[in-house]
Amino acid sequence: MELELPSKLRKALEREAADAKRTLHAHIVRKLEAVTPPAEHINPAVVSKGLPKLVEFLNRVPAVRVISSDSTPDAYWWVKLEIDISDPLAWHVVQELGFVLNYISLQEKLPTMFMPVSPPPYLNGGPAEFLAWAIESKFNYIDPEWIKSELEGRLPSPVEDVAQWNRDDDSDDGDA
């Protein structure tokens, strides 16, 4: 297969390959293998079937309300949500979602990213009104239902039970 790359991209890839002590071909193959699922996992129906299940689960999490969700034609997906920052559990929810979705461990890292998103604060207003959060798949064809299962297995259970989220009390009442 012959592939013509734009000059800037080719130079960047050649530099990466040299630094990695690989041929350009080997370097490109390695990069593509890292982001391309096996052929048996290329099924856009997985995303359209699983995304509503993930959304339903996230809407059960205290202080969370899903604003929107969608997928791209090449089977990446995202969920945008609000976390009510006036809710006493808000930062517990952020911490738990950040842990599971971004970095459980080196061995169990999920192919997702959880992050804050906002329009320009200087044009709109503060976080109570305009701070939102996004969960995105970092690779295409990732089953959102699998991500829901991972969250379900690691977040407090049952997820909607507020008492399960109060594992530690951030308030200091003087008792030691």
Foldseek 3Di string as FASTA:
>chain_A
DDDDDPPVVLVVLCVVCVVVVHDSVVSVVVVCVVFDDPPVLQDLVLAVVQVVVLQVLQCLAPQKHWPDKDADPQAKIKTKIGGQPVDPLRVLVVVLCQCQQADVDPVDHAQKHKDKDFDPCVVPHDNNPTIMIMIIGNHGSDRNNVSSVSSCVRAFPPNNPVVSSPPDDPDCPPDD
